[in-house]
Amino acid sequence: MRYFIPIVLLGLGLTACADNSSNDTATSSEPAATVVKRDTAKQMPISTPIVVKVNDILVIEKKAAIFIRPNDARIEKEKKKGDEEGFNTTSNDYLYYMATAQEFLDSVKVPIVDVSNEKFIRFTTNNRQGQLIEVGKLPELWSIYLFEPGKKAKQVDMTMIEEEYKDYFK
């Protein structure tokens, strides 16, 4: 299934490039049309990725919302610390607020980066300096950061995502 989309896109690309016109112009009653060929590769801007992974560091270089979620090992560690039922209730609350935040950020076209297995996140500012966050040492298992180059990344209150968005990206 994971190869389905690339295969379909490759097939569409090959069929679009195929020359289906007949070579016998004597049998055609319509005049042949001239097609101007363009090099579309030169016209498409090259976009740099939002995220680059360097060793154990996820480097964020563009405007984005970063959703930090715990991996399975950290969830099990937290469950062993105390009340599993309370943990499950808290987890459901976080998941609800993250889903609500994702809906809002999708509606305002902010790219979202999901992070769960990375050890570090570096937010790179315009001068290539940045701020480094160690994911395993964050006090909360689920959190959201907003980032725009030229500004310091901000951990936001996911229950008030619209207000946080307006405040950060003004």
N, C-alpha and C. Protein backbone atom coordinates (compact mmCIF):
# COMPACT_ATOMS: atom_id res chain seq x y z
N MET A 1 0.82 -1.20 0.00
CA MET A 1 0.00 0.00 0.00
C MET A 1 0.87 1.26 0.00
N ARG A 2 2.04 1.20 0.68
CA ARG A 2 2.86 2.41 0.75
C ARG A 2 3.51 2.72 -0.59
N TYR A 3 3.58 1.75 -1.48
CA TYR A 3 4.14 1.99 -2.81
C TYR A 3 3.09 2.38 -3.82
N PHE A 4 1.81 2.33 -3.45
CA PHE A 4 0.72 2.57 -4.38
C PHE A 4 0.76 3.98 -4.96
N ILE A 5 0.86 4.99 -4.09
CA ILE A 5 0.82 6.39 -4.55
C ILE A 5 2.03 6.71 -5.44
N PRO A 6 3.28 6.33 -5.04
CA PRO A 6 4.39 6.63 -5.95
C PRO A 6 4.26 5.92 -7.29
N ILE A 7 3.73 4.69 -7.30
CA ILE A 7 3.57 3.97 -8.56
C ILE A 7 2.53 4.65 -9.44
N VAL A 8 1.41 5.09 -8.83
CA VAL A 8 0.37 5.78 -9.59
C VAL A 8 0.91 7.08 -10.17
N LEU A 9 1.65 7.84 -9.35
CA LEU A 9 2.22 9.10 -9.84
C LEU A 9 3.23 8.85 -10.97
N LEU A 10 4.03 7.80 -10.84
CA LEU A 10 4.98 7.47 -11.90
C LEU A 10 4.23 7.09 -13.17
N GLY A 11 3.17 6.30 -13.03
CA GLY A 11 2.37 5.91 -14.21
C GLY A 11 1.72 7.11 -14.88
N LEU A 12 1.18 8.03 -14.07
CA LEU A 12 0.58 9.23 -14.65
C LEU A 12 1.63 10.08 -15.35
N GLY A 13 2.81 10.16 -14.75
CA GLY A 13 3.87 10.94 -15.38
C GLY A 13 4.32 10.34 -16.69
N LEU A 14 4.40 9.01 -16.73
CA LEU A 14 4.82 8.36 -17.97
C LEU A 14 3.76 8.48 -19.06
N THR A 15 2.49 8.35 -18.68
CA THR A 15 1.45 8.47 -19.70
C THR A 15 1.30 9.90 -20.19
N ALA A 16 1.58 10.87 -19.34
CA ALA A 16 1.51 12.26 -19.76
C ALA A 16 2.65 12.60 -20.72
N CYS A 17 3.76 11.91 -20.55
CA CYS A 17 4.91 12.16 -21.42
C CYS A 17 4.87 11.35 -22.70
N ALA A 18 4.02 10.35 -22.78
CA ALA A 18 3.98 9.49 -23.96
C ALA A 18 3.42 10.25 -25.15
N ASP A 19 3.94 9.98 -26.33
CA ASP A 19 3.48 10.62 -27.55
C ASP A 19 2.43 9.72 -28.18
N ASN A 20 1.15 10.07 -28.03
CA ASN A 20 0.06 9.26 -28.54
C ASN A 20 -0.40 9.69 -29.92
N SER A 21 0.27 10.66 -30.52
CA SER A 21 -0.14 11.12 -31.84
C SER A 21 0.33 10.13 -32.89
N SER A 22 -0.40 10.04 -33.98
CA SER A 22 -0.02 9.10 -35.04
C SER A 22 1.01 9.76 -35.93
N ASN A 23 1.94 8.96 -36.43
CA ASN A 23 3.00 9.47 -37.30
C ASN A 23 2.52 9.65 -38.73
N ASP A 24 1.40 9.08 -39.07
CA ASP A 24 0.89 9.14 -40.43
C ASP A 24 -0.01 10.36 -40.56
N THR A 25 0.53 11.50 -41.00
CA THR A 25 -0.25 12.73 -41.11
C THR A 25 -1.09 12.75 -42.37
N ALA A 26 -0.84 11.84 -43.28
CA ALA A 26 -1.61 11.82 -44.53
C ALA A 26 -3.04 11.34 -44.29
N THR A 27 -3.26 10.52 -43.26
CA THR A 27 -4.61 10.01 -43.01
C THR A 27 -5.42 10.97 -42.15
N SER A 28 -4.78 11.94 -41.56
CA SER A 28 -5.49 12.87 -40.71
C SER A 28 -5.98 14.05 -41.53
N SER A 29 -7.23 14.43 -41.32
CA SER A 29 -7.78 15.56 -42.06
C SER A 29 -7.57 16.87 -41.33
N GLU A 30 -7.16 16.79 -40.02
CA GLU A 30 -6.94 18.00 -39.25
C GLU A 30 -5.48 18.41 -39.33
N PRO A 31 -5.22 19.71 -39.33
CA PRO A 31 -3.83 20.15 -39.36
C PRO A 31 -3.13 19.80 -38.05
N ALA A 32 -1.86 19.50 -38.13
CA ALA A 32 -1.09 19.16 -36.93
C ALA A 32 -0.86 20.42 -36.12
N ALA A 33 -1.04 20.30 -34.81
CA ALA A 33 -0.84 21.44 -33.92
C ALA A 33 0.62 21.47 -33.47
N THR A 34 1.14 22.65 -33.33
CA THR A 34 2.51 22.77 -32.85
C THR A 34 2.46 22.96 -31.33
N VAL A 35 3.32 22.25 -30.66
CA VAL A 35 3.38 22.32 -29.21
C VAL A 35 4.70 22.95 -28.82
N VAL A 36 4.60 23.98 -28.02
CA VAL A 36 5.80 24.64 -27.54
C VAL A 36 6.26 23.88 -26.29
N LYS A 37 7.48 23.40 -26.33
CA LYS A 37 8.00 22.65 -25.19
C LYS A 37 8.67 23.62 -24.23
N ARG A 38 8.36 23.41 -22.94
CA ARG A 38 8.95 24.25 -21.91
C ARG A 38 9.66 23.38 -20.90
N ASP A 39 10.69 23.89 -20.33
CA ASP A 39 11.39 23.19 -19.26
C ASP A 39 10.76 23.63 -17.95
N THR A 40 9.83 22.83 -17.46
CA THR A 40 9.10 23.20 -16.24
C THR A 40 9.96 23.10 -15.00
N ALA A 41 11.04 22.35 -15.05
CA ALA A 41 11.90 22.22 -13.88
C ALA A 41 12.52 23.57 -13.52
N LYS A 42 12.78 24.40 -14.50
CA LYS A 42 13.36 25.71 -14.22
C LYS A 42 12.33 26.68 -13.68
N GLN A 43 11.05 26.43 -13.94
CA GLN A 43 10.00 27.34 -13.53
C GLN A 43 9.50 27.05 -12.12
N MET A 44 9.70 25.84 -11.63
CA MET A 44 9.22 25.47 -10.31
C MET A 44 10.22 25.93 -9.25
N PRO A 45 9.79 26.70 -8.28
CA PRO A 45 10.72 27.11 -7.23
C PRO A 45 11.10 25.91 -6.37
N ILE A 46 12.34 25.86 -5.97
CA ILE A 46 12.79 24.79 -5.11
C ILE A 46 12.51 25.20 -3.68
N SER A 47 11.70 24.41 -3.00
CA SER A 47 11.37 24.76 -1.63
C SER A 47 12.20 23.90 -0.69
N THR A 48 12.71 24.54 0.33
CA THR A 48 13.48 23.81 1.33
C THR A 48 12.50 23.18 2.31
N PRO A 49 12.86 22.05 2.85
CA PRO A 49 11.94 21.38 3.78
C PRO A 49 11.79 22.16 5.07
N ILE A 50 10.69 21.91 5.75
CA ILE A 50 10.44 22.54 7.04
C ILE A 50 11.35 21.94 8.10
N VAL A 51 11.58 20.63 7.98
CA VAL A 51 12.33 19.89 8.98
C VAL A 51 13.51 19.18 8.33
N VAL A 52 14.63 19.22 9.01
CA VAL A 52 15.81 18.48 8.58
C VAL A 52 16.28 17.69 9.79
N LYS A 53 16.58 16.41 9.61
CA LYS A 53 17.05 15.60 10.73
C LYS A 53 18.55 15.46 10.64
N VAL A 54 19.24 15.85 11.71
CA VAL A 54 20.69 15.75 11.80
C VAL A 54 21.00 14.94 13.06
N ASN A 55 21.44 13.71 12.87
CA ASN A 55 21.71 12.79 13.98
C ASN A 55 20.45 12.65 14.84
N ASP A 56 20.53 13.01 16.11
CA ASP A 56 19.37 12.91 17.01
C ASP A 56 18.62 14.23 17.12
N ILE A 57 18.96 15.19 16.27
CA ILE A 57 18.36 16.52 16.37
C ILE A 57 17.45 16.77 15.19
N LEU A 58 16.23 17.16 15.48
CA LEU A 58 15.28 17.56 14.45
C LEU A 58 15.39 19.08 14.32
N VAL A 59 15.81 19.57 13.17
CA VAL A 59 16.04 21.00 12.97
C VAL A 59 14.84 21.60 12.25
N ILE A 60 14.21 22.58 12.87
CA ILE A 60 13.06 23.28 12.30
C ILE A 60 13.57 24.62 11.78
N GLU A 61 13.35 24.86 10.47
CA GLU A 61 13.89 26.07 9.86
C GLU A 61 12.83 27.02 9.33
N LYS A 62 11.59 26.57 9.24
CA LYS A 62 10.53 27.40 8.67
C LYS A 62 9.36 27.51 9.65
N LYS A 63 8.45 28.39 9.31
CA LYS A 63 7.25 28.59 10.11
C LYS A 63 6.51 27.27 10.26
N ALA A 64 6.19 26.91 11.51
CA ALA A 64 5.50 25.64 11.74
C ALA A 64 4.95 25.60 13.16
N ALA A 65 4.05 24.65 13.35
CA ALA A 65 3.58 24.28 14.68
C ALA A 65 4.15 22.89 14.93
N ILE A 66 4.78 22.71 16.08
CA ILE A 66 5.41 21.44 16.40
C ILE A 66 4.60 20.77 17.50
N PHE A 67 4.06 19.61 17.17
CA PHE A 67 3.26 18.84 18.12
C PHE A 67 4.17 17.76 18.70
N ILE A 68 4.44 17.85 19.98
CA ILE A 68 5.30 16.87 20.65
C ILE A 68 4.41 15.89 21.37
N ARG A 69 4.60 14.63 21.02
CA ARG A 69 3.82 13.54 21.60
C ARG A 69 4.79 12.53 22.21
N PRO A 70 4.41 11.86 23.29
CA PRO A 70 5.33 10.89 23.90
C PRO A 70 5.41 9.61 23.07
N ASN A 71 6.57 8.97 23.09
CA ASN A 71 6.69 7.67 22.45
C ASN A 71 6.20 6.60 23.43
N ASP A 72 6.11 5.37 22.98
CA ASP A 72 5.57 4.29 23.80
C ASP A 72 6.36 4.07 25.08
N ALA A 73 7.68 4.18 25.00
CA ALA A 73 8.51 3.97 26.19
C ALA A 73 8.23 5.02 27.26
N ARG A 74 8.07 6.25 26.85
CA ARG A 74 7.81 7.32 27.84
C ARG A 74 6.41 7.18 28.43
N ILE A 75 5.45 6.74 27.63
CA ILE A 75 4.10 6.51 28.16
C ILE A 75 4.13 5.41 29.22
N GLU A 76 4.81 4.31 28.94
CA GLU A 76 4.89 3.21 29.91
C GLU A 76 5.59 3.66 31.19
N LYS A 77 6.63 4.46 31.05
CA LYS A 77 7.36 4.97 32.21
C LYS A 77 6.44 5.83 33.09
N GLU A 78 5.64 6.68 32.46
CA GLU A 78 4.72 7.55 33.20
C GLU A 78 3.60 6.75 33.85
N LYS A 79 3.12 5.71 33.19
CA LYS A 79 2.05 4.88 33.77
C LYS A 79 2.53 4.18 35.04
N LYS A 80 3.79 3.79 35.06
CA LYS A 80 4.33 3.07 36.22
C LYS A 80 4.54 3.99 37.42
N LYS A 81 4.60 5.30 37.18
CA LYS A 81 4.83 6.26 38.27
C LYS A 81 3.65 6.37 39.21
N GLY A 82 2.44 6.14 38.71
CA GLY A 82 1.31 6.38 39.58
C GLY A 82 0.02 5.79 39.06
N ASP A 83 -1.01 6.55 39.20
CA ASP A 83 -2.38 6.14 38.89
C ASP A 83 -2.59 5.99 37.38
N GLU A 84 -2.78 4.76 36.92
CA GLU A 84 -2.95 4.53 35.48
C GLU A 84 -4.28 5.09 34.98
N GLU A 85 -5.32 5.02 35.78
CA GLU A 85 -6.63 5.55 35.36
C GLU A 85 -6.56 7.07 35.21
N GLY A 86 -5.90 7.74 36.15
CA GLY A 86 -5.72 9.19 36.06
C GLY A 86 -4.88 9.56 34.85
N PHE A 87 -3.86 8.75 34.57
CA PHE A 87 -3.03 8.98 33.40
C PHE A 87 -3.86 8.88 32.12
N ASN A 88 -4.72 7.86 32.04
CA ASN A 88 -5.56 7.67 30.86
C ASN A 88 -6.52 8.84 30.66
N THR A 89 -7.09 9.34 31.75
CA THR A 89 -7.99 10.50 31.66
C THR A 89 -7.23 11.73 31.17
N THR A 90 -6.06 11.96 31.74
CA THR A 90 -5.24 13.10 31.32
C THR A 90 -4.84 12.97 29.86
N SER A 91 -4.48 11.76 29.45
CA SER A 91 -4.10 11.51 28.06
C SER A 91 -5.23 11.86 27.11
N ASN A 92 -6.44 11.44 27.45
CA ASN A 92 -7.59 11.74 26.60
C ASN A 92 -7.81 13.24 26.47
N ASP A 93 -7.64 13.96 27.58
CA ASP A 93 -7.78 15.42 27.52
C ASP A 93 -6.74 16.04 26.59
N TYR A 94 -5.48 15.64 26.73
CA TYR A 94 -4.43 16.16 25.86
C TYR A 94 -4.70 15.84 24.40
N LEU A 95 -5.11 14.62 24.13
CA LEU A 95 -5.38 14.23 22.75
C LEU A 95 -6.53 15.05 22.15
N TYR A 96 -7.54 15.33 22.95
CA TYR A 96 -8.66 16.15 22.47
C TYR A 96 -8.17 17.56 22.12
N TYR A 97 -7.42 18.17 23.04
CA TYR A 97 -6.95 19.54 22.80
C TYR A 97 -5.96 19.60 21.64
N MET A 98 -5.16 18.57 21.48
CA MET A 98 -4.23 18.56 20.34
C MET A 98 -4.99 18.42 19.02
N ALA A 99 -6.04 17.61 19.01
CA ALA A 99 -6.84 17.46 17.79
C ALA A 99 -7.55 18.77 17.46
N THR A 100 -8.06 19.45 18.47
CA THR A 100 -8.70 20.75 18.26
C THR A 100 -7.69 21.77 17.74
N ALA A 101 -6.50 21.77 18.32
CA ALA A 101 -5.45 22.69 17.87
C ALA A 101 -5.05 22.38 16.43
N GLN A 102 -4.97 21.11 16.09
CA GLN A 102 -4.59 20.74 14.73
C GLN A 102 -5.64 21.20 13.73
N GLU A 103 -6.91 21.07 14.05
CA GLU A 103 -7.97 21.55 13.17
C GLU A 103 -7.82 23.05 12.91
N PHE A 104 -7.60 23.80 13.99
CA PHE A 104 -7.46 25.25 13.84
C PHE A 104 -6.24 25.60 13.00
N LEU A 105 -5.09 25.01 13.31
CA LEU A 105 -3.86 25.33 12.59
C LEU A 105 -3.93 24.91 11.13
N ASP A 106 -4.62 23.82 10.85
CA ASP A 106 -4.85 23.43 9.45
C ASP A 106 -5.70 24.49 8.74
N SER A 107 -6.68 25.04 9.44
CA SER A 107 -7.57 26.03 8.81
C SER A 107 -6.84 27.33 8.49
N VAL A 108 -5.79 27.66 9.25
CA VAL A 108 -5.03 28.88 8.97
C VAL A 108 -3.73 28.57 8.22
N LYS A 109 -3.62 27.33 7.74
CA LYS A 109 -2.54 26.89 6.85
C LYS A 109 -1.14 26.98 7.49
N VAL A 110 -1.04 26.61 8.76
CA VAL A 110 0.26 26.52 9.41
C VAL A 110 0.72 25.07 9.31
N PRO A 111 1.90 24.81 8.73
CA PRO A 111 2.39 23.43 8.65
C PRO A 111 2.59 22.84 10.05
N ILE A 112 2.27 21.58 10.19
CA ILE A 112 2.38 20.90 11.48
C ILE A 112 3.43 19.81 11.37
N VAL A 113 4.31 19.77 12.36
CA VAL A 113 5.34 18.75 12.44
C VAL A 113 5.07 17.93 13.69
N ASP A 114 4.88 16.61 13.51
CA ASP A 114 4.68 15.72 14.64
C ASP A 114 6.02 15.16 15.10
N VAL A 115 6.25 15.23 16.41
CA VAL A 115 7.50 14.76 16.98
C VAL A 115 7.16 13.78 18.09
N SER A 116 7.75 12.57 18.02
CA SER A 116 7.53 11.63 19.11
C SER A 116 8.79 10.85 19.46
N ASN A 117 9.66 10.58 18.52
CA ASN A 117 10.83 9.75 18.80
C ASN A 117 12.15 10.51 18.79
N GLU A 118 12.12 11.79 18.55
CA GLU A 118 13.36 12.55 18.50
C GLU A 118 13.79 12.93 19.91
N LYS A 119 15.10 13.04 20.09
CA LYS A 119 15.63 13.40 21.40
C LYS A 119 15.73 14.91 21.57
N PHE A 120 16.06 15.60 20.48
CA PHE A 120 16.25 17.04 20.54
C PHE A 120 15.53 17.71 19.38
N ILE A 121 15.11 18.96 19.62
CA ILE A 121 14.56 19.81 18.57
C ILE A 121 15.35 21.11 18.61
N ARG A 122 15.83 21.53 17.43
CA ARG A 122 16.51 22.83 17.33
C ARG A 122 15.68 23.73 16.44
N PHE A 123 15.30 24.86 16.99
CA PHE A 123 14.60 25.88 16.23
C PHE A 123 15.66 26.84 15.72
N THR A 124 15.84 26.91 14.40
CA THR A 124 16.89 27.72 13.81
C THR A 124 16.33 29.08 13.41
N THR A 125 16.96 30.12 13.90
CA THR A 125 16.55 31.48 13.55
C THR A 125 17.33 31.94 12.33
N ASN A 126 17.10 33.15 11.90
CA ASN A 126 17.73 33.67 10.68
C ASN A 126 19.25 33.69 10.74
N ASN A 127 19.82 33.88 11.91
CA ASN A 127 21.28 33.95 12.01
C ASN A 127 21.90 32.57 12.25
N ARG A 128 21.14 31.52 12.01
CA ARG A 128 21.56 30.13 12.12
C ARG A 128 21.81 29.70 13.56
N GLN A 129 21.62 30.60 14.51
CA GLN A 129 21.64 30.22 15.90
C GLN A 129 20.28 29.62 16.19
N GLY A 130 20.03 29.25 17.37
CA GLY A 130 18.71 28.73 17.64
C GLY A 130 18.55 28.31 19.07
N GLN A 131 17.42 27.70 19.30
CA GLN A 131 17.15 27.22 20.63
C GLN A 131 16.99 25.72 20.56
N LEU A 132 17.60 25.04 21.52
CA LEU A 132 17.61 23.59 21.56
C LEU A 132 16.73 23.11 22.69
N ILE A 133 15.85 22.16 22.37
CA ILE A 133 14.95 21.61 23.38
C ILE A 133 15.19 20.12 23.47
N GLU A 134 15.38 19.63 24.69
CA GLU A 134 15.52 18.20 24.92
C GLU A 134 14.13 17.66 25.23
N VAL A 135 13.59 16.89 24.30
CA VAL A 135 12.21 16.42 24.38
C VAL A 135 11.95 15.60 25.63
N GLY A 136 12.87 14.74 26.00
CA GLY A 136 12.68 13.86 27.16
C GLY A 136 12.63 14.59 28.48
N LYS A 137 13.09 15.83 28.52
CA LYS A 137 13.10 16.59 29.78
C LYS A 137 11.96 17.60 29.88
N LEU A 138 11.07 17.60 28.89
CA LEU A 138 9.92 18.50 28.99
C LEU A 138 9.02 18.01 30.11
N PRO A 139 8.46 18.92 30.89
CA PRO A 139 7.62 18.50 32.02
C PRO A 139 6.32 17.82 31.59
N GLU A 140 5.79 18.20 30.46
CA GLU A 140 4.54 17.61 29.98
C GLU A 140 4.84 16.64 28.85
N LEU A 141 4.04 15.59 28.76
CA LEU A 141 4.25 14.61 27.70
C LEU A 141 3.77 15.12 26.35
N TRP A 142 2.72 15.90 26.35
CA TRP A 142 2.17 16.45 25.12
C TRP A 142 2.34 17.96 25.18
N SER A 143 2.85 18.54 24.12
CA SER A 143 2.96 20.00 24.09
C SER A 143 3.01 20.47 22.64
N ILE A 144 2.75 21.76 22.48
CA ILE A 144 2.77 22.37 21.16
C ILE A 144 3.66 23.61 21.22
N TYR A 145 4.53 23.71 20.21
CA TYR A 145 5.36 24.89 20.05
C TYR A 145 4.98 25.57 18.74
N LEU A 146 4.99 26.88 18.75
CA LEU A 146 4.84 27.65 17.52
C LEU A 146 6.20 28.23 17.20
N PHE A 147 6.54 28.23 15.91
CA PHE A 147 7.85 28.75 15.52
C PHE A 147 7.76 29.51 14.21
N GLU A 148 8.47 30.63 14.20
CA GLU A 148 8.64 31.42 12.98
C GLU A 148 10.08 31.92 13.00
N PRO A 149 10.81 31.74 11.88
CA PRO A 149 12.19 32.21 11.86
C PRO A 149 12.27 33.69 12.23
N GLY A 150 13.27 34.02 12.99
CA GLY A 150 13.42 35.40 13.45
C GLY A 150 12.83 35.62 14.83
N LYS A 151 12.09 34.63 15.33
CA LYS A 151 11.50 34.71 16.67
C LYS A 151 11.92 33.48 17.46
N LYS A 152 11.83 33.62 18.75
CA LYS A 152 12.06 32.48 19.63
C LYS A 152 10.81 31.60 19.59
N ALA A 153 11.01 30.27 19.53
CA ALA A 153 9.87 29.35 19.55
C ALA A 153 9.15 29.50 20.88
N LYS A 154 7.85 29.31 20.84
CA LYS A 154 7.03 29.50 22.04
C LYS A 154 6.20 28.26 22.30
N GLN A 155 6.33 27.73 23.53
CA GLN A 155 5.44 26.65 23.94
C GLN A 155 4.11 27.29 24.29
N VAL A 156 3.02 26.78 23.68
CA VAL A 156 1.74 27.44 23.83
C VAL A 156 0.77 26.58 24.64
N ASP A 157 -0.24 27.25 25.15
CA ASP A 157 -1.32 26.58 25.86
C ASP A 157 -2.29 26.04 24.81
N MET A 158 -2.33 24.74 24.67
CA MET A 158 -3.14 24.15 23.60
C MET A 158 -4.64 24.33 23.81
N THR A 159 -5.05 24.66 25.02
CA THR A 159 -6.48 24.90 25.26
C THR A 159 -6.91 26.26 24.75
N MET A 160 -5.95 27.12 24.43
CA MET A 160 -6.24 28.46 23.94
C MET A 160 -5.47 28.72 22.65
N ILE A 161 -5.53 27.77 21.73
CA ILE A 161 -4.67 27.82 20.54
C ILE A 161 -4.95 29.02 19.66
N GLU A 162 -6.20 29.43 19.52
CA GLU A 162 -6.51 30.58 18.65
C GLU A 162 -5.87 31.85 19.19
N GLU A 163 -5.98 32.07 20.50
CA GLU A 163 -5.39 33.26 21.10
C GLU A 163 -3.87 33.21 21.03
N GLU A 164 -3.30 32.03 21.28
CA GLU A 164 -1.84 31.87 21.23
C GLU A 164 -1.34 32.12 19.80
N TYR A 165 -2.07 31.62 18.80
CA TYR A 165 -1.71 31.81 17.40
C TYR A 165 -1.69 33.31 17.07
N LYS A 166 -2.78 34.01 17.43
CA LYS A 166 -2.87 35.44 17.14
C LYS A 166 -1.78 36.23 17.84
N ASP A 167 -1.47 35.83 19.06
CA ASP A 167 -0.44 36.53 19.83
C ASP A 167 0.96 36.30 19.24
N TYR A 168 1.26 35.08 18.82
CA TYR A 168 2.59 34.75 18.33
C TYR A 168 2.83 35.21 16.89
N PHE A 169 1.86 34.98 16.02
CA PHE A 169 2.05 35.28 14.60
C PHE A 169 1.49 36.64 14.19
N LYS A 170 1.38 37.59 15.10
CA LYS A 170 0.83 38.91 14.73
C LYS A 170 1.75 39.71 13.87
